[in-house]
C-alpha atoms as a PDB file:
ATOM      1  CA  MET A   1     -41.610 199.693  88.633  1.00  0.00           C
ATOM      2  CA  MET A   2     -39.617 197.245  90.713  1.00  0.00           C
ATOM      3  CA  VAL A   3     -39.387 193.651  89.497  1.00  0.00           C
ATOM      4  CA  GLN A   4     -39.729 191.132  92.302  1.00  0.00           C
ATOM      5  CA  GLU A   5     -36.948 188.563  92.336  1.00  0.00           C
ATOM      6  CA  ILE A   6     -38.145 184.957  92.583  1.00  0.00           C
ATOM      7  CA  GLN A   7     -36.535 182.925  95.343  1.00  0.00           C
ATOM      8  CA  PHE A   8     -36.484 179.161  94.913  1.00  0.00           C
ATOM      9  CA  SER A   9     -35.889 176.660  97.713  1.00  0.00           C
ATOM     10  CA  ILE A  10     -35.695 172.930  98.362  1.00  0.00           C
ATOM     11  CA  GLY A  11     -39.172 171.393  98.589  1.00  0.00           C
ATOM     12  CA  GLN A  12     -40.768 174.062  96.375  1.00  0.00           C
ATOM     13  CA  TRP A  13     -42.901 173.087  93.394  1.00  0.00           C
ATOM     14  CA  VAL A  14     -41.989 174.703  90.078  1.00  0.00           C
ATOM     15  CA  VAL A  15     -43.100 174.566  86.445  1.00  0.00           C
ATOM     16  CA  HIS A  16     -40.655 174.243  83.548  1.00  0.00           C
ATOM     17  CA  ASN A  17     -41.923 175.169  80.068  1.00  0.00           C
ATOM     18  CA  HIS A  18     -40.809 171.846  78.598  1.00  0.00           C
ATOM     19  CA  TYR A  19     -40.519 169.364  81.495  1.00  0.00           C
ATOM     20  CA  GLY A  20     -43.672 170.411  83.345  1.00  0.00           C
ATOM     21  CA  VAL A  21     -44.329 170.382  87.083  1.00  0.00           C
ATOM     22  CA  GLY A  22     -41.666 169.178  89.472  1.00  0.00           C
ATOM     23  CA  GLN A  23     -40.378 169.585  92.990  1.00  0.00           C
ATOM     24  CA  ILE A  24     -36.965 170.954  93.907  1.00  0.00           C
ATOM     25  CA  LYS A  25     -35.283 168.113  95.820  1.00  0.00           C
ATOM     26  CA  LYS A  26     -31.721 169.270  96.467  1.00  0.00           C
ATOM     27  CA  ILE A  27     -28.802 171.406  95.391  1.00  0.00           C
ATOM     28  CA  GLU A  28     -25.969 169.770  93.452  1.00  0.00           C
ATOM     29  CA  VAL A  29     -22.807 171.108  91.887  1.00  0.00           C
ATOM     30  CA  MET A  30     -22.920 170.522  88.128  1.00  0.00           C
ATOM     31  CA  PRO A  31     -20.458 171.377  85.349  1.00  0.00           C
ATOM     32  CA  ILE A  32     -21.952 174.066  83.098  1.00  0.00           C
ATOM     33  CA  HIS A  33     -19.764 175.413  80.297  1.00  0.00           C
ATOM     34  CA  GLY A  34     -16.714 173.979  82.060  1.00  0.00           C
ATOM     35  CA  GLU A  35     -17.448 175.675  85.387  1.00  0.00           C
ATOM     36  CA  LYS A  36     -18.769 174.092  88.565  1.00  0.00           C
ATOM     37  CA  THR A  37     -22.183 175.618  89.204  1.00  0.00           C
ATOM     38  CA  GLU A  38     -24.644 175.163  92.078  1.00  0.00           C
ATOM     39  CA  CYS A  39     -27.909 173.869  90.634  1.00  0.00           C
ATOM     40  CA  PHE A  40     -31.329 172.959  91.928  1.00  0.00           C
ATOM     41  CA  MET A  41     -32.280 169.377  91.056  1.00  0.00           C
ATOM     42  CA  VAL A  42     -35.967 169.117  90.228  1.00  0.00           C
ATOM     43  CA  HIS A  43     -37.844 165.788  90.109  1.00  0.00           C
ATOM     44  CA  VAL A  44     -40.558 165.584  87.445  1.00  0.00           C
ATOM     45  CA  ASN A  45     -42.728 162.640  86.344  1.00  0.00           C
ATOM     46  CA  ASP A  46     -40.288 161.423  83.716  1.00  0.00           C
ATOM     47  CA  GLY A  47     -37.024 162.086  85.548  1.00  0.00           C
ATOM     48  CA  ALA A  48     -35.234 165.236  86.604  1.00  0.00           C
ATOM     49  CA  PHE A  49     -33.821 168.525  85.384  1.00  0.00           C
ATOM     50  CA  TRP A  50     -31.388 171.003  86.867  1.00  0.00           C
ATOM     51  CA  PHE A  51     -31.146 174.770  86.789  1.00  0.00           C
ATOM     52  CA  PRO A  52     -28.558 177.090  88.329  1.00  0.00           C
ATOM     53  CA  THR A  53     -29.407 178.489  91.757  1.00  0.00           C
ATOM     54  CA  ASN A  54     -28.338 181.923  90.551  1.00  0.00           C
ATOM     55  CA  SER A  55     -30.775 181.983  87.595  1.00  0.00           C
ATOM     56  CA  VAL A  56     -33.823 183.379  89.362  1.00  0.00           C
ATOM     57  CA  ASP A  57     -34.810 185.247  86.188  1.00  0.00           C
ATOM     58  CA  ASN A  58     -34.948 182.079  84.060  1.00  0.00           C
ATOM     59  CA  PRO A  59     -37.987 182.556  81.768  1.00  0.00           C
ATOM     60  CA  ARG A  60     -38.455 178.781  81.403  1.00  0.00           C
ATOM     61  CA  ILE A  61     -39.044 178.170  85.127  1.00  0.00           C
ATOM     62  CA  ARG A  62     -41.640 179.626  87.460  1.00  0.00           C
ATOM     63  CA  PRO A  63     -43.230 178.755  90.790  1.00  0.00           C
ATOM     64  CA  VAL A  64     -46.546 176.888  90.575  1.00  0.00           C
ATOM     65  CA  ALA A  65     -49.641 179.064  90.462  1.00  0.00           C
ATOM     66  CA  SER A  66     -51.628 180.073  93.541  1.00  0.00           C
ATOM     67  CA  GLN A  67     -54.924 178.837  95.012  1.00  0.00           C
ATOM     68  CA  GLU A  68     -56.521 182.012  93.605  1.00  0.00           C
ATOM     69  CA  ILE A  69     -55.488 180.945  90.099  1.00  0.00           C
ATOM     70  CA  ILE A  70     -57.074 177.518  90.645  1.00  0.00           C
ATOM     71  CA  ALA A  71     -60.325 179.289  91.612  1.00  0.00           C
ATOM     72  CA  LYS A  72     -60.175 181.207  88.296  1.00  0.00           C
ATOM     73  CA  VAL A  73     -59.428 177.963  86.436  1.00  0.00           C
ATOM     74  CA  ILE A  74     -62.499 176.287  87.928  1.00  0.00           C
ATOM     75  CA  LYS A  75     -64.644 179.292  87.014  1.00  0.00           C
ATOM     76  CA  ASN A  76     -63.324 179.143  83.425  1.00  0.00           C
ATOM     77  CA  LEU A  77     -63.872 175.410  83.079  1.00  0.00           C
ATOM     78  CA  ARG A  78     -67.515 175.826  84.157  1.00  0.00           C
ATOM     79  CA  ARG A  79     -68.293 178.670  81.730  1.00  0.00           C
ATOM     80  CA  LYS A  80     -70.020 178.172  78.426  1.00  0.00           C
ATOM     81  CA  PRO A  81     -67.440 177.252  75.764  1.00  0.00           C
ATOM     82  CA  GLY A  82     -66.472 179.995  73.366  1.00  0.00           C
ATOM     83  CA  ASN A  83     -65.290 180.134  69.771  1.00  0.00           C
ATOM     84  CA  LEU A  84     -67.316 177.115  68.658  1.00  0.00           C
ATOM     85  CA  GLU A  85     -67.876 178.626  65.227  1.00  0.00           C
ATOM     86  CA  LYS A  86     -64.144 178.652  64.478  1.00  0.00           C
ATOM     87  CA  ASP A  87     -62.719 176.237  61.931  1.00  0.00           C
ATOM     88  CA  LYS A  88     -59.831 173.770  62.326  1.00  0.00           C
ATOM     89  CA  LYS A  89     -57.321 176.301  60.990  1.00  0.00           C
ATOM     90  CA  TYR A  90     -58.191 178.620  63.881  1.00  0.00           C
ATOM     91  CA  TRP A  91     -57.468 175.869  66.428  1.00  0.00           C
ATOM     92  CA  THR A  92     -54.267 174.801  64.660  1.00  0.00           C
ATOM     93  CA  THR A  93     -52.989 178.384  64.678  1.00  0.00           C
ATOM     94  CA  LEU A  94     -53.985 178.917  68.309  1.00  0.00           C
ATOM     95  CA  ILE A  95     -52.237 175.723  69.450  1.00  0.00           C
ATOM     96  CA  LYS A  96     -49.090 176.394  67.394  1.00  0.00           C
ATOM     97  CA  GLU A  97     -48.806 179.971  68.598  1.00  0.00           C
ATOM     98  CA  ALA A  98     -49.531 179.217  72.256  1.00  0.00           C
ATOM     99  CA  PRO A  99     -46.307 179.848  74.146  1.00  0.00           C
ATOM    100  CA  SER A 100     -44.850 176.968  76.101  1.00  0.00           C
ATOM    101  CA  ASN A 101     -45.127 179.092  79.257  1.00  0.00           C
ATOM    102  CA  ILE A 102     -48.852 179.639  78.803  1.00  0.00           C
ATOM    103  CA  ASP A 103     -50.655 180.362  82.090  1.00  0.00           C
ATOM    104  CA  LEU A 104     -53.209 178.070  83.744  1.00  0.00           C
ATOM    105  CA  VAL A 105     -56.160 180.391  83.184  1.00  0.00           C
ATOM    106  CA  THR A 106     -55.547 180.375  79.426  1.00  0.00           C
ATOM    107  CA  ILE A 107     -54.960 176.614  79.511  1.00  0.00           C
ATOM    108  CA  SER A 108     -58.337 176.167  81.218  1.00  0.00           C
ATOM    109  CA  GLN A 109     -60.043 178.148  78.441  1.00  0.00           C
ATOM    110  CA  LEU A 110     -58.342 176.022  75.790  1.00  0.00           C
ATOM    111  CA  ILE A 111     -59.330 172.808  77.588  1.00  0.00           C
ATOM    112  CA  ARG A 112     -62.950 173.950  77.885  1.00  0.00           C
ATOM    113  CA  ASP A 113     -63.242 175.091  74.273  1.00  0.00           C
ATOM    114  CA  LEU A 114     -61.275 172.210  72.707  1.00  0.00           C
ATOM    115  CA  SER A 115     -63.362 169.727  74.730  1.00  0.00           C
ATOM    116  CA  ALA A 116     -66.534 171.261  73.330  1.00  0.00           C
ATOM    117  CA  GLN A 117     -65.066 171.104  69.825  1.00  0.00           C
ATOM    118  CA  LYS A 118     -64.142 167.457  70.369  1.00  0.00           C
ATOM    119  CA  THR A 119     -67.754 166.673  71.301  1.00  0.00           C
ATOM    120  CA  GLN A 120     -68.830 168.118  67.983  1.00  0.00           C
ATOM    121  CA  LYS A 121     -66.149 166.015  66.200  1.00  0.00           C
ATOM    122  CA  ARG A 122     -64.284 169.078  64.991  1.00  0.00           C
ATOM    123  CA  LEU A 123     -60.790 168.168  66.196  1.00  0.00           C
ATOM    124  CA  ASN A 124     -58.045 166.411  64.319  1.00  0.00           C
ATOM    125  CA  ASP A 125     -55.402 164.178  65.946  1.00  0.00           C
ATOM    126  CA  SER A 126     -52.967 167.010  66.684  1.00  0.00           C
ATOM    127  CA  HIS A 127     -55.727 168.997  68.386  1.00  0.00           C
ATOM    128  CA  VAL A 128     -56.707 165.968  70.490  1.00  0.00           C
ATOM    129  CA  LYS A 129     -53.050 165.510  71.506  1.00  0.00           C
ATOM    130  CA  ALA A 130     -52.778 169.200  72.424  1.00  0.00           C
ATOM    131  CA  LEU A 131     -55.951 168.927  74.523  1.00  0.00           C
ATOM    132  CA  SER A 132     -54.492 165.935  76.348  1.00  0.00           C
ATOM    133  CA  ARG A 133     -51.177 167.764  76.931  1.00  0.00           C
ATOM    134  CA  TYR A 134     -52.977 170.837  78.314  1.00  0.00           C
ATOM    135  CA  LYS A 135     -55.108 168.690  80.629  1.00  0.00           C
ATOM    136  CA  GLU A 136     -52.071 166.841  81.988  1.00  0.00           C
ATOM    137  CA  ARG A 137     -50.242 170.091  82.649  1.00  0.00           C
ATOM    138  CA  LEU A 138     -53.267 171.538  84.459  1.00  0.00           C
ATOM    139  CA  VAL A 139     -53.812 168.382  86.513  1.00  0.00           C
ATOM    140  CA  HIS A 140     -50.191 168.147  87.659  1.00  0.00           C
ATOM    141  CA  GLU A 141     -49.895 171.802  88.578  1.00  0.00           C
ATOM    142  CA  TRP A 142     -53.288 171.750  90.345  1.00  0.00           C
ATOM    143  CA  SER A 143     -52.141 168.703  92.325  1.00  0.00           C
ATOM    144  CA  ALA A 144     -48.863 170.405  93.286  1.00  0.00           C
ATOM    145  CA  ILE A 145     -50.747 173.517  94.423  1.00  0.00           C
ATOM    146  CA  THR A 146     -53.457 171.776  96.429  1.00  0.00           C
ATOM    147  CA  GLY A 147     -51.880 168.436  97.375  1.00  0.00           C
ATOM    148  CA  LYS A 148     -54.943 166.657  95.980  1.00  0.00           C
ATOM    149  CA  ASP A 149     -54.811 163.301  94.192  1.00  0.00           C
ATOM    150  CA  ILE A 150     -54.329 163.489  90.420  1.00  0.00           C
ATOM    151  CA  GLU A 151     -57.210 161.107  89.696  1.00  0.00           C
ATOM    152  CA  LYS A 152     -59.618 163.195  91.789  1.00  0.00           C
ATOM    153  CA  ILE A 153     -58.540 166.317  89.912  1.00  0.00           C
ATOM    154  CA  HIS A 154     -59.100 164.543  86.569  1.00  0.00           C
ATOM    155  CA  LEU A 155     -62.631 163.695  87.713  1.00  0.00           C
ATOM    156  CA  LYS A 156     -63.300 167.297  88.804  1.00  0.00           C
ATOM    157  CA  ILE A 157     -62.066 168.679  85.491  1.00  0.00           C
ATOM    158  CA  ASN A 158     -64.255 166.229  83.566  1.00  0.00           C
ATOM    159  CA  THR A 159     -67.269 167.212  85.696  1.00  0.00           C
ATOM    160  CA  TYR A 160     -66.635 170.919  85.071  1.00  0.00           C
ATOM    161  CA  ILE A 161     -66.241 170.282  81.330  1.00  0.00           C
ATOM    162  CA  GLN A 162     -69.565 168.407  81.276  1.00  0.00           C
ATOM    163  CA  GLU A 163     -71.216 171.367  83.050  1.00  0.00           C
ATOM    164  CA  SER A 164     -69.703 173.670  80.458  1.00  0.00           C
ATOM    165  CA  LYS A 165     -70.857 171.559  77.509  1.00  0.00           C
ATOM    166  CA  ALA A 166     -74.393 171.470  78.943  1.00  0.00           C
ATOM    167  CA  LYS A 167     -74.481 175.262  78.623  1.00  0.00           C
ATOM    168  CA  ILE A 168     -74.156 174.971  74.836  1.00  0.00           C
ATOM    169  CA  THR A 169     -77.597 173.379  74.555  1.00  0.00           C
ATOM    170  CA  ASN A 170     -79.125 175.406  77.406  1.00  0.00           C
ATOM    171  CA  LYS A 171     -78.948 178.779  75.692  1.00  0.00           C
END
Protein backbone atom coordinates (compact mmCIF):
# COMPACT_ATOMS: atom_id res chain seq x y z
CA MET A 1 0.00 0.00 0.00
CA MET A 2 1.37 3.38 -1.00
CA VAL A 3 1.02 6.24 1.47
CA GLN A 4 0.03 9.50 -0.18
CA GLU A 5 2.29 12.39 0.76
CA ILE A 6 0.44 15.53 1.88
CA GLN A 7 1.46 18.70 0.09
CA PHE A 8 0.86 21.98 1.90
CA SER A 9 0.79 25.40 0.24
CA ILE A 10 0.26 29.07 1.04
CA GLY A 11 -3.45 29.87 1.39
CA GLN A 12 -4.37 26.32 2.44
CA TRP A 13 -6.44 25.69 5.55
CA VAL A 14 -5.02 23.18 8.03
CA VAL A 15 -5.88 21.75 11.44
CA HIS A 16 -3.35 21.45 14.26
CA ASN A 17 -4.18 19.08 17.13
CA HIS A 18 -3.59 21.77 19.75
CA TYR A 19 -3.96 25.15 17.99
CA GLY A 20 -6.99 24.27 15.87
CA VAL A 21 -7.90 25.54 12.41
CA GLY A 22 -5.67 28.04 10.66
CA GLN A 23 -4.57 29.21 7.25
CA ILE A 24 -1.04 28.97 5.91
CA LYS A 25 -0.04 32.59 5.20
CA LYS A 26 3.62 32.47 4.19
CA ILE A 27 6.95 30.70 4.40
CA GLU A 28 9.56 32.02 6.82
CA VAL A 29 13.02 30.84 7.78
CA MET A 30 13.06 29.97 11.49
CA PRO A 31 15.82 28.65 13.75
CA ILE A 32 15.00 25.08 14.83
CA HIS A 33 17.58 23.25 16.93
CA GLY A 34 20.19 25.80 15.84
CA GLU A 35 19.55 25.34 12.12
CA LYS A 36 17.75 27.69 9.76
CA THR A 37 14.63 25.88 8.58
CA GLU A 38 11.94 26.87 6.08
CA CYS A 39 8.60 26.88 7.89
CA PHE A 40 4.99 27.52 7.01
CA MET A 41 3.47 30.27 9.16
CA VAL A 42 -0.14 29.48 10.01
CA HIS A 43 -2.58 32.10 11.36
CA VAL A 44 -5.10 30.77 13.89
CA ASN A 45 -7.68 32.62 16.01
CA ASP A 46 -5.33 33.23 18.91
CA GLY A 47 -2.13 33.94 16.98
CA ALA A 48 0.12 31.82 14.83
CA PHE A 49 2.19 28.65 14.73
CA TRP A 50 4.93 27.42 12.44
CA PHE A 51 5.85 24.01 11.10
CA PRO A 52 8.71 22.97 8.81
CA THR A 53 7.89 22.80 5.11
CA ASN A 54 9.65 19.44 4.94
CA SER A 55 7.48 17.83 7.65
CA VAL A 56 4.62 16.61 5.48
CA ASP A 57 4.21 13.55 7.71
CA ASN A 58 3.64 15.62 10.87
CA PRO A 59 0.91 13.75 12.81
CA ARG A 60 -0.21 16.96 14.56
CA ILE A 61 -1.16 18.77 11.33
CA ARG A 62 -3.60 17.80 8.61
CA PRO A 63 -5.55 19.51 5.84
CA VAL A 64 -9.13 20.49 6.73
CA ALA A 65 -11.76 17.86 6.00
CA SER A 66 -13.74 17.69 2.76
CA GLN A 67 -17.30 18.72 1.85
CA GLU A 68 -18.19 15.00 1.95
CA ILE A 69 -17.13 14.88 5.61
CA ILE A 70 -19.34 17.89 6.38
CA ALA A 71 -22.28 16.00 4.80
CA LYS A 72 -21.55 13.07 7.16
CA VAL A 73 -21.28 15.48 10.10
CA ILE A 74 -24.70 16.95 9.34
CA LYS A 75 -26.20 13.47 9.05
CA ASN A 76 -24.68 12.54 12.44
CA LEU A 77 -25.87 15.70 14.15
CA ARG A 78 -29.45 15.00 12.98
CA ARG A 79 -29.52 11.37 14.16
CA LYS A 80 -31.08 10.27 17.40
CA PRO A 81 -28.53 10.63 20.23
CA GLY A 82 -26.92 7.44 21.43
CA ASN A 83 -25.49 6.22 24.71
CA LEU A 84 -27.95 8.16 26.87
CA GLU A 85 -27.99 5.41 29.48
CA LYS A 86 -24.27 5.84 30.18
CA ASP A 87 -23.13 7.37 33.45
CA LYS A 88 -20.78 10.32 34.03
CA LYS A 89 -17.76 8.02 34.33
CA TYR A 90 -18.39 6.81 30.77
CA TRP A 91 -18.36 10.39 29.45
CA THR A 92 -15.29 11.33 31.50
CA THR A 93 -13.39 8.33 30.15
CA LEU A 94 -14.52 8.99 26.58
CA ILE A 95 -13.47 12.65 26.72
CA LYS A 96 -10.11 11.90 28.39
CA GLU A 97 -9.27 9.14 25.94
CA ALA A 98 -10.37 11.04 22.82
CA PRO A 99 -7.22 11.79 20.85
CA SER A 100 -6.45 15.41 20.12
CA ASN A 101 -6.55 14.59 16.40
CA ILE A 102 -10.08 13.20 16.60
CA ASP A 103 -11.94 13.40 13.27
CA LEU A 104 -14.98 15.60 12.59
CA VAL A 105 -17.41 12.71 12.22
CA THR A 106 -16.55 11.46 15.72
CA ILE A 107 -16.67 15.02 17.05
CA SER A 108 -20.18 15.40 15.62
CA GLN A 109 -21.30 12.24 17.44
CA LEU A 110 -19.84 13.53 20.71
CA ILE A 111 -21.51 16.92 20.24
CA ARG A 112 -24.88 15.29 19.52
CA ASP A 113 -24.71 12.86 22.44
CA LEU A 114 -23.19 15.29 24.98
CA SER A 115 -25.83 17.88 24.03
CA ALA A 116 -28.57 15.36 24.73
CA GLN A 117 -26.92 14.49 28.05
CA LYS A 118 -26.71 18.19 28.92
CA THR A 119 -30.46 18.54 28.33
CA GLN A 120 -31.02 15.80 30.86
CA LYS A 121 -28.65 17.57 33.31
CA ARG A 122 -26.18 14.71 33.29
CA LEU A 123 -23.01 16.66 32.53
CA ASN A 124 -20.50 18.10 34.94
CA ASP A 125 -18.43 21.24 34.29
CA SER A 126 -15.58 19.41 32.55
CA HIS A 127 -18.04 17.69 30.22
CA VAL A 128 -19.70 21.03 29.40
CA LYS A 129 -16.26 22.54 28.64
CA ALA A 130 -15.39 19.57 26.41
CA LEU A 131 -18.69 19.98 24.55
CA SER A 132 -17.93 23.65 23.99
CA ARG A 133 -14.39 22.85 22.78
CA TYR A 134 -15.69 20.22 20.33
CA LYS A 135 -18.33 22.61 18.98
CA GLU A 136 -15.78 25.38 18.43
CA ARG A 137 -13.44 23.02 16.61
CA LEU A 138 -16.27 21.79 14.37
CA VAL A 139 -17.52 25.31 13.65
CA HIS A 140 -14.09 26.65 12.69
CA GLU A 141 -13.20 23.72 10.47
CA TRP A 142 -16.66 23.76 8.84
CA SER A 143 -16.23 27.48 8.15
CA ALA A 144 -12.77 26.93 6.63
CA ILE A 145 -14.13 24.15 4.40
CA THR A 146 -17.24 25.95 3.19
CA GLY A 147 -16.37 29.64 3.57
CA LYS A 148 -19.60 30.14 5.51
CA ASP A 149 -19.96 32.56 8.43
CA ILE A 150 -19.19 31.09 11.86
CA GLU A 151 -22.40 32.43 13.41
CA LYS A 152 -24.53 30.84 10.68
CA ILE A 153 -22.77 27.52 11.25
CA HIS A 154 -23.41 27.79 15.01
CA LEU A 155 -27.11 28.29 14.25
CA LYS A 156 -27.18 25.29 11.89
CA ILE A 157 -25.49 23.05 14.45
CA ASN A 158 -27.95 24.15 17.14
CA THR A 159 -30.88 23.45 14.79
CA TYR A 160 -29.54 19.97 13.98
CA ILE A 161 -29.01 19.25 17.69
CA GLN A 162 -32.61 20.29 18.42
CA GLU A 163 -33.81 17.93 15.66
CA SER A 164 -31.73 15.18 17.21
CA LYS A 165 -33.04 15.78 20.73
CA ALA A 166 -36.63 15.71 19.42
CA LYS A 167 -36.00 12.12 18.29
CA ILE A 168 -35.47 11.05 21.91
CA THR A 169 -39.12 11.73 22.76
CA ASN A 170 -40.45 10.64 19.35
CA LYS A 171 -39.54 6.98 19.67
